[in-house]
C-alpha atoms as a PDB file:
ATOM      1  CA  MET A   1      73.046 133.208  27.439  1.00  0.00           C
ATOM      2  CA  GLN A   2      71.859 130.727  29.351  1.00  0.00           C
ATOM      3  CA  ILE A   3      70.160 131.483  32.973  1.00  0.00           C
ATOM      4  CA  THR A   4      71.011 129.168  35.504  1.00  0.00           C
ATOM      5  CA  VAL A   5      69.140 129.285  38.638  1.00  0.00           C
ATOM      6  CA  LEU A   6      70.617 127.296  41.848  1.00  0.00           C
ATOM      7  CA  ALA A   7      68.613 126.477  44.833  1.00  0.00           C
ATOM      8  CA  ILE A   8      69.569 124.318  47.893  1.00  0.00           C
ATOM      9  CA  GLY A   9      66.951 121.793  48.456  1.00  0.00           C
ATOM     10  CA  LYS A  10      63.684 120.326  46.799  1.00  0.00           C
ATOM     11  CA  THR A  11      60.135 122.150  46.658  1.00  0.00           C
ATOM     12  CA  ASP A  12      58.034 120.032  49.154  1.00  0.00           C
ATOM     13  CA  SER A  13      54.974 121.555  47.936  1.00  0.00           C
ATOM     14  CA  LYS A  14      53.303 120.259  44.333  1.00  0.00           C
ATOM     15  CA  GLU A  15      51.563 123.090  43.687  1.00  0.00           C
ATOM     16  CA  LEU A  16      54.646 125.250  43.931  1.00  0.00           C
ATOM     17  CA  ALA A  17      56.749 122.974  41.904  1.00  0.00           C
ATOM     18  CA  GLN A  18      53.835 122.880  39.007  1.00  0.00           C
ATOM     19  CA  LEU A  19      54.263 126.736  38.842  1.00  0.00           C
ATOM     20  CA  ILE A  20      57.586 126.810  38.898  1.00  0.00           C
ATOM     21  CA  ALA A  21      57.530 123.979  36.069  1.00  0.00           C
ATOM     22  CA  MET A  22      55.322 126.029  33.894  1.00  0.00           C
ATOM     23  CA  TYR A  23      57.404 129.536  34.265  1.00  0.00           C
ATOM     24  CA  GLU A  24      60.471 127.213  32.963  1.00  0.00           C
ATOM     25  CA  LYS A  25      58.650 126.093  29.984  1.00  0.00           C
ATOM     26  CA  ARG A  26      57.439 129.656  29.113  1.00  0.00           C
ATOM     27  CA  LEU A  27      61.153 131.100  30.001  1.00  0.00           C
ATOM     28  CA  GLY A  28      62.535 128.266  27.199  1.00  0.00           C
ATOM     29  CA  HIS A  29      60.988 130.173  24.310  1.00  0.00           C
ATOM     30  CA  TYR A  30      63.225 133.073  25.224  1.00  0.00           C
ATOM     31  CA  ILE A  31      66.497 131.925  26.598  1.00  0.00           C
ATOM     32  CA  LYS A  32      68.619 128.820  27.199  1.00  0.00           C
ATOM     33  CA  PHE A  33      67.190 128.094  31.042  1.00  0.00           C
ATOM     34  CA  LYS A  34      67.900 125.507  33.646  1.00  0.00           C
ATOM     35  CA  PHE A  35      66.737 125.023  37.380  1.00  0.00           C
ATOM     36  CA  VAL A  36      69.151 122.758  38.910  1.00  0.00           C
ATOM     37  CA  VAL A  37      68.247 121.951  42.728  1.00  0.00           C
ATOM     38  CA  ILE A  38      71.509 120.992  45.218  1.00  0.00           C
ATOM     39  CA  PRO A  39      69.805 118.096  47.652  1.00  0.00           C
ATOM     40  CA  ASP A  40      69.510 119.155  50.892  1.00  0.00           C
ATOM     41  CA  LEU A  41      72.561 118.648  53.273  1.00  0.00           C
ATOM     42  CA  LYS A  42      72.091 115.112  55.530  1.00  0.00           C
ATOM     43  CA  ASN A  43      71.974 115.768  59.095  1.00  0.00           C
ATOM     44  CA  SER A  44      71.699 119.342  58.688  1.00  0.00           C
ATOM     45  CA  LYS A  45      69.854 119.515  62.276  1.00  0.00           C
ATOM     46  CA  ASN A  46      73.195 117.945  63.572  1.00  0.00           C
ATOM     47  CA  LEU A  47      75.443 120.793  61.642  1.00  0.00           C
ATOM     48  CA  SER A  48      75.996 124.601  63.374  1.00  0.00           C
ATOM     49  CA  GLU A  49      74.624 127.227  61.109  1.00  0.00           C
ATOM     50  CA  LYS A  50      78.526 128.099  59.946  1.00  0.00           C
ATOM     51  CA  LEU A  51      79.307 124.388  58.992  1.00  0.00           C
ATOM     52  CA  GLN A  52      75.880 124.338  57.529  1.00  0.00           C
ATOM     53  CA  LYS A  53      76.384 127.367  55.165  1.00  0.00           C
ATOM     54  CA  GLU A  54      80.200 125.963  54.546  1.00  0.00           C
ATOM     55  CA  LYS A  55      78.749 122.544  52.816  1.00  0.00           C
ATOM     56  CA  GLU A  56      76.340 124.151  50.962  1.00  0.00           C
ATOM     57  CA  GLY A  57      78.928 126.908  50.099  1.00  0.00           C
ATOM     58  CA  GLU A  58      81.351 124.045  48.748  1.00  0.00           C
ATOM     59  CA  LEU A  59      77.976 122.350  46.515  1.00  0.00           C
ATOM     60  CA  ILE A  60      76.990 125.848  45.201  1.00  0.00           C
ATOM     61  CA  LEU A  61      80.829 126.420  44.182  1.00  0.00           C
ATOM     62  CA  ASN A  62      81.507 123.176  42.441  1.00  0.00           C
ATOM     63  CA  GLN A  63      78.550 124.293  40.133  1.00  0.00           C
ATOM     64  CA  VAL A  64      80.235 127.264  39.241  1.00  0.00           C
ATOM     65  CA  HIS A  65      82.808 127.633  36.459  1.00  0.00           C
ATOM     66  CA  SER A  66      85.183 130.386  36.598  1.00  0.00           C
ATOM     67  CA  SER A  67      83.536 132.217  33.349  1.00  0.00           C
ATOM     68  CA  ASP A  68      80.350 131.990  34.753  1.00  0.00           C
ATOM     69  CA  ILE A  69      78.533 135.437  36.474  1.00  0.00           C
ATOM     70  CA  LEU A  70      77.428 134.446  40.253  1.00  0.00           C
ATOM     71  CA  VAL A  71      74.683 136.454  41.577  1.00  0.00           C
ATOM     72  CA  LEU A  72      73.406 135.722  44.868  1.00  0.00           C
ATOM     73  CA  MET A  73      69.653 136.282  45.695  1.00  0.00           C
ATOM     74  CA  ASP A  74      70.406 138.004  48.754  1.00  0.00           C
ATOM     75  CA  GLU A  75      68.362 140.245  51.578  1.00  0.00           C
ATOM     76  CA  LYS A  76      71.520 142.479  51.427  1.00  0.00           C
ATOM     77  CA  GLY A  77      71.050 142.412  47.908  1.00  0.00           C
ATOM     78  CA  LYS A  78      70.197 145.494  45.283  1.00  0.00           C
ATOM     79  CA  GLN A  79      66.243 145.742  44.600  1.00  0.00           C
ATOM     80  CA  LEU A  80      65.087 146.256  41.500  1.00  0.00           C
ATOM     81  CA  SER A  81      61.690 147.190  39.715  1.00  0.00           C
ATOM     82  CA  SER A  82      60.686 144.507  37.245  1.00  0.00           C
ATOM     83  CA  MET A  83      61.761 147.047  34.149  1.00  0.00           C
ATOM     84  CA  GLU A  84      65.188 147.605  35.967  1.00  0.00           C
ATOM     85  CA  PHE A  85      65.578 143.510  36.054  1.00  0.00           C
ATOM     86  CA  SER A  86      64.756 143.165  32.387  1.00  0.00           C
ATOM     87  CA  GLN A  87      67.810 145.994  31.926  1.00  0.00           C
ATOM     88  CA  PHE A  88      69.804 144.113  33.706  1.00  0.00           C
ATOM     89  CA  LEU A  89      69.153 140.819  31.941  1.00  0.00           C
ATOM     90  CA  GLN A  90      69.757 142.843  28.627  1.00  0.00           C
ATOM     91  CA  LYS A  91      73.253 144.378  30.336  1.00  0.00           C
ATOM     92  CA  LYS A  92      74.155 140.722  30.659  1.00  0.00           C
ATOM     93  CA  MET A  93      73.569 139.150  27.538  1.00  0.00           C
ATOM     94  CA  ASN A  94      74.955 142.232  25.608  1.00  0.00           C
ATOM     95  CA  SER A  95      77.993 141.605  27.924  1.00  0.00           C
ATOM     96  CA  GLY A  96      78.434 138.307  25.993  1.00  0.00           C
ATOM     97  CA  ILE A  97      78.583 136.272  29.258  1.00  0.00           C
ATOM     98  CA  LYS A  98      78.085 132.390  28.341  1.00  0.00           C
ATOM     99  CA  ASN A  99      76.444 131.617  32.121  1.00  0.00           C
ATOM    100  CA  LEU A 100      74.744 133.786  34.500  1.00  0.00           C
ATOM    101  CA  ILE A 101      74.025 132.210  37.467  1.00  0.00           C
ATOM    102  CA  LEU A 102      71.267 133.330  40.030  1.00  0.00           C
ATOM    103  CA  VAL A 103      71.497 131.092  43.463  1.00  0.00           C
ATOM    104  CA  ILE A 104      68.931 130.907  45.964  1.00  0.00           C
ATOM    105  CA  GLY A 105      70.959 129.908  49.037  1.00  0.00           C
ATOM    106  CA  GLY A 106      70.107 127.678  52.056  1.00  0.00           C
ATOM    107  CA  PRO A 107      67.993 128.844  55.824  1.00  0.00           C
ATOM    108  CA  TYR A 108      71.092 130.947  56.943  1.00  0.00           C
ATOM    109  CA  GLY A 109      72.322 132.133  53.446  1.00  0.00           C
ATOM    110  CA  PHE A 110      75.949 131.589  51.916  1.00  0.00           C
ATOM    111  CA  SER A 111      79.285 131.231  53.311  1.00  0.00           C
ATOM    112  CA  ASN A 112      81.914 133.885  52.865  1.00  0.00           C
ATOM    113  CA  GLU A 113      83.532 131.651  50.228  1.00  0.00           C
ATOM    114  CA  VAL A 114      80.520 131.821  47.985  1.00  0.00           C
ATOM    115  CA  TYR A 115      79.994 135.790  48.957  1.00  0.00           C
ATOM    116  CA  GLN A 116      83.973 135.820  47.850  1.00  0.00           C
ATOM    117  CA  ARG A 117      83.091 134.252  44.608  1.00  0.00           C
ATOM    118  CA  CYS A 118      79.744 136.119  43.692  1.00  0.00           C
ATOM    119  CA  ASN A 119      79.763 138.840  40.915  1.00  0.00           C
ATOM    120  CA  GLY A 120      76.358 140.693  42.712  1.00  0.00           C
ATOM    121  CA  GLN A 121      73.792 140.456  45.194  1.00  0.00           C
ATOM    122  CA  LEU A 122      69.880 140.831  44.505  1.00  0.00           C
ATOM    123  CA  SER A 123      67.110 141.029  46.584  1.00  0.00           C
ATOM    124  CA  LEU A 124      63.386 140.284  45.704  1.00  0.00           C
ATOM    125  CA  SER A 125      62.051 142.386  48.925  1.00  0.00           C
ATOM    126  CA  LYS A 126      62.754 143.418  52.347  1.00  0.00           C
ATOM    127  CA  MET A 127      60.667 141.046  53.663  1.00  0.00           C
ATOM    128  CA  THR A 128      61.150 137.837  54.461  1.00  0.00           C
ATOM    129  CA  PHE A 129      59.532 134.803  52.067  1.00  0.00           C
ATOM    130  CA  SER A 130      60.645 130.685  52.147  1.00  0.00           C
ATOM    131  CA  HIS A 131      63.175 129.757  49.917  1.00  0.00           C
ATOM    132  CA  GLN A 132      60.682 127.756  48.309  1.00  0.00           C
ATOM    133  CA  MET A 133      58.316 130.756  47.344  1.00  0.00           C
ATOM    134  CA  VAL A 134      61.843 132.750  46.127  1.00  0.00           C
ATOM    135  CA  ARG A 135      61.959 130.253  43.592  1.00  0.00           C
ATOM    136  CA  LEU A 136      58.953 130.971  41.947  1.00  0.00           C
ATOM    137  CA  PHE A 137      59.217 134.537  42.146  1.00  0.00           C
ATOM    138  CA  LEU A 138      62.699 135.055  40.360  1.00  0.00           C
ATOM    139  CA  ILE A 139      61.678 132.173  37.844  1.00  0.00           C
ATOM    140  CA  GLU A 140      58.295 134.201  37.264  1.00  0.00           C
ATOM    141  CA  GLN A 141      60.113 137.707  37.285  1.00  0.00           C
ATOM    142  CA  LEU A 142      62.800 135.959  34.645  1.00  0.00           C
ATOM    143  CA  TYR A 143      59.946 135.719  32.947  1.00  0.00           C
ATOM    144  CA  ARG A 144      58.454 138.672  33.041  1.00  0.00           C
ATOM    145  CA  GLY A 145      61.879 140.560  32.325  1.00  0.00           C
ATOM    146  CA  PHE A 146      61.869 138.852  29.012  1.00  0.00           C
ATOM    147  CA  THR A 147      58.423 139.787  28.077  1.00  0.00           C
ATOM    148  CA  ILE A 148      59.586 143.600  29.161  1.00  0.00           C
ATOM    149  CA  LEU A 149      62.502 143.367  26.722  1.00  0.00           C
ATOM    150  CA  ARG A 150      59.901 141.668  23.918  1.00  0.00           C
ATOM    151  CA  ASN A 151      57.430 144.374  24.615  1.00  0.00           C
ATOM    152  CA  GLU A 152      54.997 141.604  24.929  1.00  0.00           C
ATOM    153  CA  PRO A 153      51.413 142.288  26.967  1.00  0.00           C
ATOM    154  CA  TYR A 154      52.603 140.474  30.400  1.00  0.00           C
ATOM    155  CA  HIS A 155      54.027 143.284  32.190  1.00  0.00           C
ATOM    156  CA  HIS A 156      51.402 146.478  32.550  1.00  0.00           C
ATOM    157  CA  GLN A 157      53.175 149.842  33.524  1.00  0.00           C
END
């Protein structure tokens, strides 16, 4: 299985980008992993919220194949503990899927078309985080999940 994290917009902070890269490298020891950044829309300030979500949605859906499992990182999604998230990953691997795509949307969330295509929604917290921070948190949780599955000493119960 491959895991792909799709995110709208580049990471502005060098420090965050370095941490993301560190966890990307660590993840490579466990699974095929890709971090794909969809560039910010041009002139997004001139777009309505609805139009921005629709245009970002098109860009997201252009990255998805019919056989991919698409999970949205969404504030209304299901919240899992790190242990439960590791079990979620194990179930996905056991199911034989080729590509699990986890999507971090733009500032306004997702279009209706993306919600209709998705196979599920997860939330990292009831709190609101910047989209740039969510990238780091999600990739770190992926790494943590695989260390849990391997009974490695990274995660402490």
